[in-house]
Amino acid sequence: MNPERPCRTCTDFKTWAKLQKKTYDSEKIAQKYDEDGTAIASNRKRLDCPLDKDELGSATWSFLHTMAAYYPDKPTSQESIDMKTFFNVFSKFYPCAPCAEDLRQQLKKTPPQTESQKELSQWLCKIHNEVNKKLGKKLFDCKLVDQRWKDGWLDGSCD
């Protein structure tokens, strides 16, 4: 990482902003921009900015869990091999270097379980919870992965 230009995907937004050594008027309202770039008053940052580490992580977990949710119940041997290969290649190119290294180490300890949708979803949930534990975040009840990522909550709130 170039210390003069820190990697956004390796830091959360607040840290990244501080590292940019920019001064912000804390009283000033953050700007939101419409499609043609016109500023609109808002309390949020722009929606079309590069992802920071937290945003990238959240989007990545959403993608991975959704992919696992739609993995075949009875994958072919080639699909199983392809999914294992995907995780190994993914861990080499993930944009946050410390996160990628952590994933590579995790894959060595606990290789992807690709024998069925249920096994892959449960494996990924456990891996995600390992990361949550390291970050001091709340753990997810892995019995609920299909409701969260595929079928929707039983109370119908996703319908």
C-alpha atoms as a PDB file:
ATOM      1  CA  MET A   1       0.000   0.000   0.000  1.00  0.00           C
ATOM      2  CA  ASN A   2       1.333   3.409  -0.952  1.00  0.00           C
ATOM      3  CA  PRO A   3       1.333   5.487   2.273  1.00  0.00           C
ATOM      4  CA  GLU A   4       0.738   8.635   0.226  1.00  0.00           C
ATOM      5  CA  ARG A   5      -2.425   7.161  -1.322  1.00  0.00           C
ATOM      6  CA  PRO A   6      -3.954   4.514   0.975  1.00  0.00           C
ATOM      7  CA  CYS A   7      -6.084   1.789  -0.525  1.00  0.00           C
ATOM      8  CA  ARG A   8      -9.793   2.432   0.155  1.00  0.00           C
ATOM      9  CA  THR A   9     -10.617  -1.262   0.073  1.00  0.00           C
ATOM     10  CA  CYS A  10      -8.075  -1.863   2.841  1.00  0.00           C
ATOM     11  CA  THR A  11      -9.467   0.699   5.280  1.00  0.00           C
ATOM     12  CA  ASP A  12     -12.865   1.817   6.496  1.00  0.00           C
ATOM     13  CA  PHE A  13     -14.117   5.159   5.185  1.00  0.00           C
ATOM     14  CA  LYS A  14     -13.411   7.200   8.320  1.00  0.00           C
ATOM     15  CA  THR A  15      -9.808   5.987   8.521  1.00  0.00           C
ATOM     16  CA  TRP A  16      -9.332   6.476   4.792  1.00  0.00           C
ATOM     17  CA  ALA A  17     -10.689  10.016   4.972  1.00  0.00           C
ATOM     18  CA  LYS A  18      -8.340  10.845   7.860  1.00  0.00           C
ATOM     19  CA  LEU A  19      -5.405   9.428   5.933  1.00  0.00           C
ATOM     20  CA  GLN A  20      -6.242  11.740   3.047  1.00  0.00           C
ATOM     21  CA  LYS A  21      -5.448  14.637   5.412  1.00  0.00           C
ATOM     22  CA  LYS A  22      -8.453  16.526   4.176  1.00  0.00           C
ATOM     23  CA  THR A  23     -10.202  18.895   6.504  1.00  0.00           C
ATOM     24  CA  TYR A  24     -13.932  18.683   6.624  1.00  0.00           C
ATOM     25  CA  ASP A  25     -16.243  21.220   8.179  1.00  0.00           C
ATOM     26  CA  SER A  26     -18.158  19.020  10.641  1.00  0.00           C
ATOM     27  CA  GLU A  27     -21.118  21.384  10.410  1.00  0.00           C
ATOM     28  CA  LYS A  28     -21.328  21.116   6.631  1.00  0.00           C
ATOM     29  CA  ILE A  29     -23.957  18.764   5.227  1.00  0.00           C
ATOM     30  CA  ALA A  30     -22.553  15.905   3.177  1.00  0.00           C
ATOM     31  CA  GLN A  31     -23.531  16.001  -0.469  1.00  0.00           C
ATOM     32  CA  LYS A  32     -25.453  13.435  -2.479  1.00  0.00           C
ATOM     33  CA  TYR A  33     -25.325  13.667  -6.246  1.00  0.00           C
ATOM     34  CA  ASP A  34     -27.997  12.843  -8.773  1.00  0.00           C
ATOM     35  CA  GLU A  35     -27.255  11.047 -12.058  1.00  0.00           C
ATOM     36  CA  ASP A  36     -25.898  14.147 -13.822  1.00  0.00           C
ATOM     37  CA  GLY A  37     -23.604  15.025 -10.893  1.00  0.00           C
ATOM     38  CA  THR A  38     -25.757  17.802  -9.433  1.00  0.00           C
ATOM     39  CA  ALA A  39     -25.337  18.004  -5.666  1.00  0.00           C
ATOM     40  CA  ILE A  40     -28.390  17.320  -3.517  1.00  0.00           C
ATOM     41  CA  ALA A  41     -28.335  18.067   0.230  1.00  0.00           C
ATOM     42  CA  SER A  42     -28.113  14.853   2.205  1.00  0.00           C
ATOM     43  CA  ASN A  43     -26.560  13.322   5.305  1.00  0.00           C
ATOM     44  CA  ARG A  44     -24.950  10.530   3.260  1.00  0.00           C
ATOM     45  CA  LYS A  45     -21.825  10.379   1.149  1.00  0.00           C
ATOM     46  CA  ARG A  46     -22.158   9.867  -2.584  1.00  0.00           C
ATOM     47  CA  LEU A  47     -23.498   6.494  -3.620  1.00  0.00           C
ATOM     48  CA  ASP A  48     -21.226   6.183  -6.633  1.00  0.00           C
ATOM     49  CA  CYS A  49     -17.877   6.313  -4.816  1.00  0.00           C
ATOM     50  CA  PRO A  50     -15.364   3.460  -4.657  1.00  0.00           C
ATOM     51  CA  LEU A  51     -16.188   1.029  -1.872  1.00  0.00           C
ATOM     52  CA  ASP A  52     -14.313   1.248   1.413  1.00  0.00           C
ATOM     53  CA  LYS A  53     -13.299  -1.893   3.320  1.00  0.00           C
ATOM     54  CA  ASP A  54     -16.589  -2.159   5.229  1.00  0.00           C
ATOM     55  CA  GLU A  55     -18.744  -1.609   2.138  1.00  0.00           C
ATOM     56  CA  LEU A  56     -16.665  -4.058   0.123  1.00  0.00           C
ATOM     57  CA  GLY A  57     -16.914  -6.658   2.883  1.00  0.00           C
ATOM     58  CA  SER A  58     -20.673  -6.306   3.182  1.00  0.00           C
ATOM     59  CA  ALA A  59     -21.201  -6.491  -0.583  1.00  0.00           C
ATOM     60  CA  THR A  60     -18.846  -9.457  -0.877  1.00  0.00           C
ATOM     61  CA  TRP A  61     -20.535 -11.430   1.881  1.00  0.00           C
ATOM     62  CA  SER A  62     -23.915 -10.701   0.279  1.00  0.00           C
ATOM     63  CA  PHE A  63     -22.662 -11.971  -3.059  1.00  0.00           C
ATOM     64  CA  LEU A  64     -21.005 -15.094  -1.611  1.00  0.00           C
ATOM     65  CA  HIS A  65     -23.980 -16.058   0.564  1.00  0.00           C
ATOM     66  CA  THR A  66     -26.380 -15.535  -2.349  1.00  0.00           C
ATOM     67  CA  MET A  67     -24.161 -17.612  -4.620  1.00  0.00           C
ATOM     68  CA  ALA A  68     -24.095 -20.397  -2.015  1.00  0.00           C
ATOM     69  CA  ALA A  69     -27.880 -20.180  -1.593  1.00  0.00           C
ATOM     70  CA  TYR A  70     -28.370 -20.900  -5.299  1.00  0.00           C
ATOM     71  CA  TYR A  71     -25.701 -23.583  -5.553  1.00  0.00           C
ATOM     72  CA  PRO A  72     -27.185 -26.934  -6.668  1.00  0.00           C
ATOM     73  CA  ASP A  73     -28.574 -29.338  -4.060  1.00  0.00           C
ATOM     74  CA  LYS A  74     -26.809 -32.130  -5.957  1.00  0.00           C
ATOM     75  CA  PRO A  75     -23.900 -30.574  -7.838  1.00  0.00           C
ATOM     76  CA  THR A  76     -21.998 -32.491 -10.473  1.00  0.00           C
ATOM     77  CA  SER A  77     -18.414 -33.363  -9.662  1.00  0.00           C
ATOM     78  CA  GLN A  78     -17.339 -30.577 -12.048  1.00  0.00           C
ATOM     79  CA  GLU A  79     -19.564 -28.012 -10.267  1.00  0.00           C
ATOM     80  CA  SER A  80     -18.050 -29.072  -6.953  1.00  0.00           C
ATOM     81  CA  ILE A  81     -14.524 -28.692  -8.324  1.00  0.00           C
ATOM     82  CA  ASP A  82     -15.416 -25.346  -9.915  1.00  0.00           C
ATOM     83  CA  MET A  83     -16.775 -23.951  -6.640  1.00  0.00           C
ATOM     84  CA  LYS A  84     -13.641 -24.997  -4.738  1.00  0.00           C
ATOM     85  CA  THR A  85     -11.545 -23.436  -7.479  1.00  0.00           C
ATOM     86  CA  PHE A  86     -13.628 -20.260  -7.333  1.00  0.00           C
ATOM     87  CA  PHE A  87     -12.921 -19.743  -3.621  1.00  0.00           C
ATOM     88  CA  ASN A  88      -9.216 -20.416  -4.054  1.00  0.00           C
ATOM     89  CA  VAL A  89      -8.886 -18.027  -7.005  1.00  0.00           C
ATOM     90  CA  PHE A  90     -11.154 -15.460  -5.312  1.00  0.00           C
ATOM     91  CA  SER A  91      -8.833 -15.452  -2.284  1.00  0.00           C
ATOM     92  CA  LYS A  92      -5.908 -14.523  -4.541  1.00  0.00           C
ATOM     93  CA  PHE A  93      -7.592 -11.501  -6.121  1.00  0.00           C
ATOM     94  CA  TYR A  94      -9.725 -10.056  -3.317  1.00  0.00           C
ATOM     95  CA  PRO A  95      -8.806  -6.327  -3.253  1.00  0.00           C
ATOM     96  CA  CYS A  96      -8.177  -6.080   0.510  1.00  0.00           C
ATOM     97  CA  ALA A  97      -4.783  -7.761   0.945  1.00  0.00           C
ATOM     98  CA  PRO A  98      -5.069  -8.548   4.690  1.00  0.00           C
ATOM     99  CA  CYS A  99      -8.595  -9.908   4.145  1.00  0.00           C
ATOM    100  CA  ALA A 100      -7.425 -12.027   1.209  1.00  0.00           C
ATOM    101  CA  GLU A 101      -4.544 -13.470   3.221  1.00  0.00           C
ATOM    102  CA  ASP A 102      -6.894 -14.266   6.094  1.00  0.00           C
ATOM    103  CA  LEU A 103      -9.226 -16.062   3.678  1.00  0.00           C
ATOM    104  CA  ARG A 104      -6.349 -18.076   2.180  1.00  0.00           C
ATOM    105  CA  GLN A 105      -5.327 -19.211   5.666  1.00  0.00           C
ATOM    106  CA  GLN A 106      -8.939 -20.083   6.494  1.00  0.00           C
ATOM    107  CA  LEU A 107      -9.277 -22.107   3.275  1.00  0.00           C
ATOM    108  CA  LYS A 108      -6.205 -24.143   4.237  1.00  0.00           C
ATOM    109  CA  LYS A 109      -7.751 -24.937   7.638  1.00  0.00           C
ATOM    110  CA  THR A 110     -11.304 -25.430   6.407  1.00  0.00           C
ATOM    111  CA  PRO A 111     -11.641 -26.107   2.658  1.00  0.00           C
ATOM    112  CA  PRO A 112     -14.968 -25.306   0.968  1.00  0.00           C
ATOM    113  CA  GLN A 113     -17.666 -27.921   1.494  1.00  0.00           C
ATOM    114  CA  THR A 114     -19.208 -28.211  -1.961  1.00  0.00           C
ATOM    115  CA  GLU A 115     -21.162 -31.470  -1.813  1.00  0.00           C
ATOM    116  CA  SER A 116     -24.538 -29.679  -1.676  1.00  0.00           C
ATOM    117  CA  GLN A 117     -26.190 -26.278  -1.336  1.00  0.00           C
ATOM    118  CA  LYS A 118     -26.773 -26.903   2.358  1.00  0.00           C
ATOM    119  CA  GLU A 119     -23.143 -27.864   3.020  1.00  0.00           C
ATOM    120  CA  LEU A 120     -21.756 -24.898   1.078  1.00  0.00           C
ATOM    121  CA  SER A 121     -24.137 -22.439   2.764  1.00  0.00           C
ATOM    122  CA  GLN A 122     -23.309 -23.797   6.224  1.00  0.00           C
ATOM    123  CA  TRP A 123     -19.563 -23.796   5.515  1.00  0.00           C
ATOM    124  CA  LEU A 124     -19.711 -20.190   4.318  1.00  0.00           C
ATOM    125  CA  CYS A 125     -21.775 -19.129   7.325  1.00  0.00           C
ATOM    126  CA  LYS A 126     -19.204 -20.657   9.659  1.00  0.00           C
ATOM    127  CA  ILE A 127     -16.365 -18.931   7.774  1.00  0.00           C
ATOM    128  CA  HIS A 128     -18.265 -15.625   7.944  1.00  0.00           C
ATOM    129  CA  ASN A 129     -18.806 -16.101  11.678  1.00  0.00           C
ATOM    130  CA  GLU A 130     -15.060 -16.688  12.132  1.00  0.00           C
ATOM    131  CA  VAL A 131     -14.443 -13.298  10.543  1.00  0.00           C
ATOM    132  CA  ASN A 132     -17.219 -11.719  12.635  1.00  0.00           C
ATOM    133  CA  LYS A 133     -15.625 -13.161  15.769  1.00  0.00           C
ATOM    134  CA  LYS A 134     -12.225 -11.651  14.846  1.00  0.00           C
ATOM    135  CA  LEU A 135     -13.882  -8.284  14.242  1.00  0.00           C
ATOM    136  CA  GLY A 136     -15.922  -8.389  17.452  1.00  0.00           C
ATOM    137  CA  LYS A 137     -19.197  -8.489  15.531  1.00  0.00           C
ATOM    138  CA  LYS A 138     -22.365 -10.394  16.324  1.00  0.00           C
ATOM    139  CA  LEU A 139     -22.447 -14.012  15.120  1.00  0.00           C
ATOM    140  CA  PHE A 140     -25.178 -15.138  12.733  1.00  0.00           C
ATOM    141  CA  ASP A 141     -27.368 -18.173  13.501  1.00  0.00           C
ATOM    142  CA  CYS A 142     -26.375 -20.491  10.641  1.00  0.00           C
ATOM    143  CA  LYS A 143     -29.720 -22.307  10.857  1.00  0.00           C
ATOM    144  CA  LEU A 144     -31.220 -19.196   9.255  1.00  0.00           C
ATOM    145  CA  VAL A 145     -29.026 -18.951   6.125  1.00  0.00           C
ATOM    146  CA  ASP A 146     -31.729 -20.063   3.682  1.00  0.00           C
ATOM    147  CA  GLN A 147     -34.219 -17.578   5.116  1.00  0.00           C
ATOM    148  CA  ARG A 148     -31.657 -14.757   4.989  1.00  0.00           C
ATOM    149  CA  TRP A 149     -30.152 -15.445   1.573  1.00  0.00           C
ATOM    150  CA  LYS A 150     -32.667 -17.455  -0.463  1.00  0.00           C
ATOM    151  CA  ASP A 151     -36.246 -17.940   0.731  1.00  0.00           C
ATOM    152  CA  GLY A 152     -36.904 -14.834   2.814  1.00  0.00           C
ATOM    153  CA  TRP A 153     -37.964 -14.603   6.458  1.00  0.00           C
ATOM    154  CA  LEU A 154     -40.787 -16.866   7.619  1.00  0.00           C
ATOM    155  CA  ASP A 155     -42.799 -13.843   8.795  1.00  0.00           C
ATOM    156  CA  GLY A 156     -43.227 -12.774   5.151  1.00  0.00           C
ATOM    157  CA  SER A 157     -41.398  -9.479   5.644  1.00  0.00           C
ATOM    158  CA  CYS A 158     -39.456 -10.019   2.404  1.00  0.00           C
ATOM    159  CA  ASP A 159     -42.546 -10.609   0.275  1.00  0.00           C
END
